[in-house]
Amino acid sequence: MMLAMSNQESLPPLPGMERVILELLVSSGKELFGLELIEASGNRLKRGSIYVTLQRMSKKGLVESREEARPAPEIGIPRRLYKASGFGVRVLRAYEMAQSTFAEVGI
């Protein structure tokens, strides 16, 4: 089975941290906060780089985010919830298929 990308979509690079984040978001099947991703990663993700990585992934179209509604009278910076975008899921699946294919042929 081949994954087709539209003419406007190309397979972007998927560094290790981005792949871990996509795997966690896809496997959870729900939106997660950055700190939840760190906790779920088993120390593969670090607090100092998670939000920079999520922002980069958002610019690539791999993840989507939204601000959590804060009940009044809470103050402070709103938290963001992240989920894999449809494109992000397709990219992850394409990399998984490539890895599987390379493993089958011994590369």
N, C-alpha and C. Protein backbone atom coordinates (compact mmCIF):
# COMPACT_ATOMS: atom_id res chain seq x y z
N MET A 1 0.84 -1.18 0.00
CA MET A 1 0.00 0.00 0.00
C MET A 1 0.89 1.24 0.00
N MET A 2 0.62 2.16 -0.90
CA MET A 2 1.42 3.38 -0.98
C MET A 2 0.60 4.56 -0.50
N LEU A 3 1.26 5.48 0.17
CA LEU A 3 0.61 6.71 0.59
C LEU A 3 0.87 7.76 -0.46
N ALA A 4 -0.18 8.31 -0.99
CA ALA A 4 -0.03 9.35 -1.99
C ALA A 4 -0.09 10.71 -1.31
N MET A 5 0.83 11.57 -1.65
CA MET A 5 0.83 12.94 -1.19
C MET A 5 0.37 13.80 -2.36
N SER A 6 -0.37 14.84 -2.06
CA SER A 6 -0.82 15.72 -3.13
C SER A 6 0.39 16.44 -3.71
N ASN A 7 0.19 17.10 -4.84
CA ASN A 7 1.28 17.83 -5.48
C ASN A 7 1.82 18.93 -4.58
N GLN A 8 0.98 19.45 -3.69
CA GLN A 8 1.42 20.53 -2.81
C GLN A 8 2.10 20.00 -1.55
N GLU A 9 1.93 18.73 -1.26
CA GLU A 9 2.53 18.14 -0.08
C GLU A 9 3.75 17.33 -0.48
N SER A 10 4.83 17.53 0.24
CA SER A 10 5.99 16.67 0.05
C SER A 10 6.34 16.12 1.42
N LEU A 11 7.08 15.05 1.43
CA LEU A 11 7.43 14.41 2.68
C LEU A 11 8.51 15.23 3.37
N PRO A 12 8.18 15.90 4.48
CA PRO A 12 9.17 16.73 5.16
C PRO A 12 10.12 15.86 5.98
N PRO A 13 11.28 16.40 6.35
CA PRO A 13 12.16 15.66 7.24
C PRO A 13 11.43 15.40 8.56
N LEU A 14 11.72 14.28 9.18
CA LEU A 14 11.06 13.94 10.45
C LEU A 14 12.14 13.53 11.45
N PRO A 15 12.75 14.54 12.11
CA PRO A 15 13.77 14.24 13.12
C PRO A 15 13.18 13.40 14.26
N GLY A 16 14.06 12.78 15.03
CA GLY A 16 13.65 11.87 16.08
C GLY A 16 12.63 12.43 17.06
N MET A 17 12.84 13.65 17.56
CA MET A 17 11.89 14.22 18.52
C MET A 17 10.53 14.43 17.90
N GLU A 18 10.49 14.87 16.66
CA GLU A 18 9.22 15.08 15.98
C GLU A 18 8.49 13.75 15.79
N ARG A 19 9.25 12.73 15.48
CA ARG A 19 8.63 11.41 15.30
C ARG A 19 8.05 10.91 16.62
N VAL A 20 8.80 11.08 17.72
CA VAL A 20 8.30 10.66 19.04
C VAL A 20 7.00 11.38 19.35
N ILE A 21 6.96 12.68 19.10
CA ILE A 21 5.76 13.47 19.39
C ILE A 21 4.59 12.98 18.55
N LEU A 22 4.81 12.78 17.26
CA LEU A 22 3.72 12.28 16.40
C LEU A 22 3.25 10.90 16.86
N GLU A 23 4.17 10.02 17.19
CA GLU A 23 3.79 8.69 17.66
C GLU A 23 2.93 8.78 18.93
N LEU A 24 3.32 9.65 19.86
CA LEU A 24 2.56 9.80 21.10
C LEU A 24 1.17 10.38 20.84
N LEU A 25 1.10 11.39 19.99
CA LEU A 25 -0.19 12.01 19.70
C LEU A 25 -1.12 11.04 18.97
N VAL A 26 -0.59 10.31 18.00
CA VAL A 26 -1.41 9.38 17.24
C VAL A 26 -1.85 8.21 18.12
N SER A 27 -0.92 7.66 18.90
CA SER A 27 -1.27 6.49 19.73
C SER A 27 -2.24 6.85 20.85
N SER A 28 -2.18 8.10 21.34
CA SER A 28 -3.10 8.48 22.42
C SER A 28 -4.51 8.69 21.89
N GLY A 29 -4.61 9.13 20.64
CA GLY A 29 -5.92 9.38 20.05
C GLY A 29 -6.63 10.58 20.64
N LYS A 30 -5.90 11.43 21.36
CA LYS A 30 -6.52 12.62 21.95
C LYS A 30 -5.54 13.78 21.95
N GLU A 31 -6.03 14.93 22.30
CA GLU A 31 -5.17 16.10 22.42
C GLU A 31 -4.36 15.99 23.71
N LEU A 32 -3.11 16.45 23.65
CA LEU A 32 -2.24 16.42 24.83
C LEU A 32 -1.55 17.77 25.02
N PHE A 33 -1.27 18.09 26.27
CA PHE A 33 -0.47 19.26 26.60
C PHE A 33 1.00 18.89 26.45
N GLY A 34 1.85 19.89 26.31
CA GLY A 34 3.28 19.65 26.20
C GLY A 34 3.83 18.83 27.36
N LEU A 35 3.42 19.16 28.58
CA LEU A 35 3.91 18.43 29.75
C LEU A 35 3.42 16.99 29.76
N GLU A 36 2.23 16.74 29.23
CA GLU A 36 1.74 15.37 29.11
C GLU A 36 2.58 14.58 28.11
N LEU A 37 3.00 15.24 27.04
CA LEU A 37 3.87 14.58 26.06
C LEU A 37 5.21 14.20 26.69
N ILE A 38 5.77 15.11 27.49
CA ILE A 38 7.03 14.84 28.16
C ILE A 38 6.88 13.62 29.07
N GLU A 39 5.83 13.61 29.86
CA GLU A 39 5.59 12.51 30.79
C GLU A 39 5.39 11.19 30.05
N ALA A 40 4.61 11.21 28.98
CA ALA A 40 4.31 9.99 28.22
C ALA A 40 5.52 9.48 27.46
N SER A 41 6.51 10.33 27.24
CA SER A 41 7.67 9.94 26.42
C SER A 41 8.69 9.10 27.18
N GLY A 42 8.55 8.97 28.47
CA GLY A 42 9.54 8.22 29.24
C GLY A 42 10.92 8.85 29.18
N ASN A 43 10.97 10.15 29.31
CA ASN A 43 12.22 10.93 29.32
C ASN A 43 12.90 11.06 27.96
N ARG A 44 12.21 10.72 26.88
CA ARG A 44 12.79 10.95 25.55
C ARG A 44 12.64 12.41 25.14
N LEU A 45 11.64 13.10 25.69
CA LEU A 45 11.41 14.52 25.42
C LEU A 45 11.75 15.31 26.67
N LYS A 46 12.25 16.52 26.47
CA LYS A 46 12.67 17.36 27.59
C LYS A 46 11.88 18.67 27.59
N ARG A 47 11.69 19.18 28.78
CA ARG A 47 10.93 20.41 28.98
C ARG A 47 11.53 21.58 28.20
N GLY A 48 12.85 21.65 28.10
CA GLY A 48 13.51 22.78 27.44
C GLY A 48 13.35 22.83 25.93
N SER A 49 12.92 21.73 25.31
CA SER A 49 12.84 21.73 23.85
C SER A 49 11.46 21.37 23.31
N ILE A 50 10.56 20.94 24.15
CA ILE A 50 9.26 20.46 23.65
C ILE A 50 8.48 21.54 22.93
N TYR A 51 8.42 22.74 23.49
CA TYR A 51 7.57 23.76 22.89
C TYR A 51 8.16 24.34 21.61
N VAL A 52 9.48 24.42 21.54
CA VAL A 52 10.14 24.86 20.30
C VAL A 52 9.86 23.83 19.21
N THR A 53 9.95 22.56 19.57
CA THR A 53 9.71 21.48 18.60
C THR A 53 8.25 21.49 18.15
N LEU A 54 7.33 21.66 19.08
CA LEU A 54 5.90 21.71 18.72
C LEU A 54 5.60 22.90 17.80
N GLN A 55 6.23 24.02 18.07
CA GLN A 55 6.03 25.20 17.21
C GLN A 55 6.56 24.93 15.80
N ARG A 56 7.73 24.31 15.69
CA ARG A 56 8.29 23.97 14.39
C ARG A 56 7.38 22.98 13.65
N MET A 57 6.85 22.01 14.39
CA MET A 57 5.96 21.02 13.79
C MET A 57 4.66 21.66 13.31
N SER A 58 4.20 22.64 14.05
CA SER A 58 2.99 23.37 13.66
C SER A 58 3.22 24.11 12.35
N LYS A 59 4.38 24.74 12.21
CA LYS A 59 4.71 25.46 10.97
C LYS A 59 4.81 24.51 9.78
N LYS A 60 5.25 23.27 10.02
CA LYS A 60 5.33 22.27 8.96
C LYS A 60 3.96 21.67 8.65
N GLY A 61 2.98 21.92 9.51
CA GLY A 61 1.65 21.35 9.31
C GLY A 61 1.48 19.96 9.89
N LEU A 62 2.42 19.52 10.75
CA LEU A 62 2.36 18.17 11.31
C LEU A 62 1.44 18.07 12.52
N VAL A 63 1.29 19.18 13.26
CA VAL A 63 0.41 19.20 14.43
C VAL A 63 -0.49 20.42 14.36
N GLU A 64 -1.60 20.30 15.07
CA GLU A 64 -2.54 21.42 15.24
C GLU A 64 -2.65 21.67 16.73
N SER A 65 -2.97 22.90 17.10
CA SER A 65 -3.12 23.21 18.52
C SER A 65 -4.25 24.19 18.73
N ARG A 66 -4.69 24.21 19.96
CA ARG A 66 -5.71 25.18 20.36
C ARG A 66 -5.47 25.52 21.82
N GLU A 67 -5.90 26.73 22.19
CA GLU A 67 -5.79 27.14 23.58
C GLU A 67 -6.91 26.50 24.39
N GLU A 68 -6.55 26.08 25.58
CA GLU A 68 -7.54 25.53 26.50
C GLU A 68 -8.35 26.69 27.08
N ALA A 69 -9.65 26.54 27.10
CA ALA A 69 -10.49 27.56 27.72
C ALA A 69 -10.22 27.56 29.22
N ARG A 70 -9.97 28.73 29.79
CA ARG A 70 -9.68 28.84 31.23
C ARG A 70 -10.90 29.39 31.94
N PRO A 71 -11.34 28.71 32.95
CA PRO A 71 -12.49 29.22 33.69
C PRO A 71 -12.12 30.48 34.48
N ALA A 72 -13.04 31.43 34.52
CA ALA A 72 -12.82 32.64 35.32
C ALA A 72 -12.86 32.22 36.79
N PRO A 73 -12.14 32.74 37.62
CA PRO A 73 -11.24 33.89 37.57
C PRO A 73 -9.78 33.51 37.38
N GLU A 74 -9.48 32.33 36.82
CA GLU A 74 -8.08 31.92 36.65
C GLU A 74 -7.34 32.93 35.77
N ILE A 75 -6.08 33.13 36.12
CA ILE A 75 -5.24 34.03 35.34
C ILE A 75 -4.00 33.25 34.91
N GLY A 76 -3.25 33.82 34.01
CA GLY A 76 -2.03 33.20 33.54
C GLY A 76 -2.12 32.88 32.06
N ILE A 77 -1.04 32.36 31.56
CA ILE A 77 -0.96 32.02 30.15
C ILE A 77 -1.82 30.79 29.90
N PRO A 78 -2.69 30.85 28.89
CA PRO A 78 -3.52 29.67 28.58
C PRO A 78 -2.65 28.51 28.11
N ARG A 79 -3.03 27.30 28.49
CA ARG A 79 -2.30 26.12 28.04
C ARG A 79 -2.78 25.75 26.63
N ARG A 80 -1.89 25.11 25.89
CA ARG A 80 -2.21 24.68 24.53
C ARG A 80 -2.34 23.16 24.50
N LEU A 81 -3.34 22.71 23.80
CA LEU A 81 -3.54 21.29 23.54
C LEU A 81 -3.08 21.01 22.11
N TYR A 82 -2.38 19.90 21.91
CA TYR A 82 -1.83 19.54 20.61
C TYR A 82 -2.41 18.21 20.14
N LYS A 83 -2.58 18.11 18.82
CA LYS A 83 -2.97 16.84 18.21
C LYS A 83 -2.28 16.74 16.85
N ALA A 84 -2.12 15.51 16.40
CA ALA A 84 -1.52 15.30 15.08
C ALA A 84 -2.51 15.75 14.02
N SER A 85 -2.03 16.47 13.03
CA SER A 85 -2.90 16.86 11.91
C SER A 85 -3.05 15.66 10.98
N GLY A 86 -3.97 15.74 10.06
CA GLY A 86 -4.11 14.68 9.06
C GLY A 86 -2.82 14.49 8.28
N PHE A 87 -2.17 15.58 7.93
CA PHE A 87 -0.90 15.52 7.22
C PHE A 87 0.16 14.87 8.10
N GLY A 88 0.18 15.22 9.38
CA GLY A 88 1.14 14.63 10.31
C GLY A 88 0.98 13.11 10.40
N VAL A 89 -0.26 12.65 10.44
CA VAL A 89 -0.53 11.21 10.49
C VAL A 89 -0.02 10.54 9.21
N ARG A 90 -0.28 11.16 8.07
CA ARG A 90 0.19 10.58 6.79
C ARG A 90 1.70 10.54 6.73
N VAL A 91 2.37 11.58 7.21
CA VAL A 91 3.83 11.61 7.21
C VAL A 91 4.37 10.51 8.12
N LEU A 92 3.80 10.37 9.30
CA LEU A 92 4.24 9.32 10.22
C LEU A 92 4.06 7.95 9.59
N ARG A 93 2.92 7.70 8.97
CA ARG A 93 2.66 6.41 8.33
C ARG A 93 3.64 6.15 7.18
N ALA A 94 3.96 7.19 6.43
CA ALA A 94 4.92 7.04 5.33
C ALA A 94 6.29 6.66 5.86
N TYR A 95 6.73 7.29 6.94
CA TYR A 95 8.02 6.93 7.53
C TYR A 95 8.00 5.52 8.10
N GLU A 96 6.89 5.13 8.72
CA GLU A 96 6.77 3.77 9.25
C GLU A 96 6.84 2.74 8.13
N MET A 97 6.17 3.04 7.01
CA MET A 97 6.19 2.13 5.87
C MET A 97 7.60 2.04 5.29
N ALA A 98 8.28 3.16 5.19
CA ALA A 98 9.65 3.16 4.65
C ALA A 98 10.57 2.37 5.57
N GLN A 99 10.44 2.56 6.86
CA GLN A 99 11.27 1.84 7.82
C GLN A 99 11.01 0.33 7.71
N SER A 100 9.76 -0.04 7.59
CA SER A 100 9.39 -1.45 7.46
C SER A 100 9.97 -2.04 6.18
N THR A 101 9.87 -1.30 5.09
CA THR A 101 10.40 -1.76 3.82
C THR A 101 11.91 -1.94 3.88
N PHE A 102 12.60 -0.97 4.46
CA PHE A 102 14.07 -1.07 4.60
C PHE A 102 14.44 -2.26 5.48
N ALA A 103 13.68 -2.51 6.53
CA ALA A 103 13.96 -3.65 7.41
C ALA A 103 13.78 -4.96 6.65
N GLU A 104 12.76 -5.03 5.80
CA GLU A 104 12.50 -6.25 5.02
C GLU A 104 13.63 -6.59 4.06
N VAL A 105 14.24 -5.55 3.50
CA VAL A 105 15.32 -5.78 2.52
C VAL A 105 16.70 -5.72 3.16
N GLY A 106 16.72 -5.52 4.47
CA GLY A 106 18.00 -5.54 5.19
C GLY A 106 18.83 -4.29 5.08
N ILE A 107 18.19 -3.16 4.92
CA ILE A 107 18.93 -1.89 4.82
C ILE A 107 18.93 -1.22 6.18
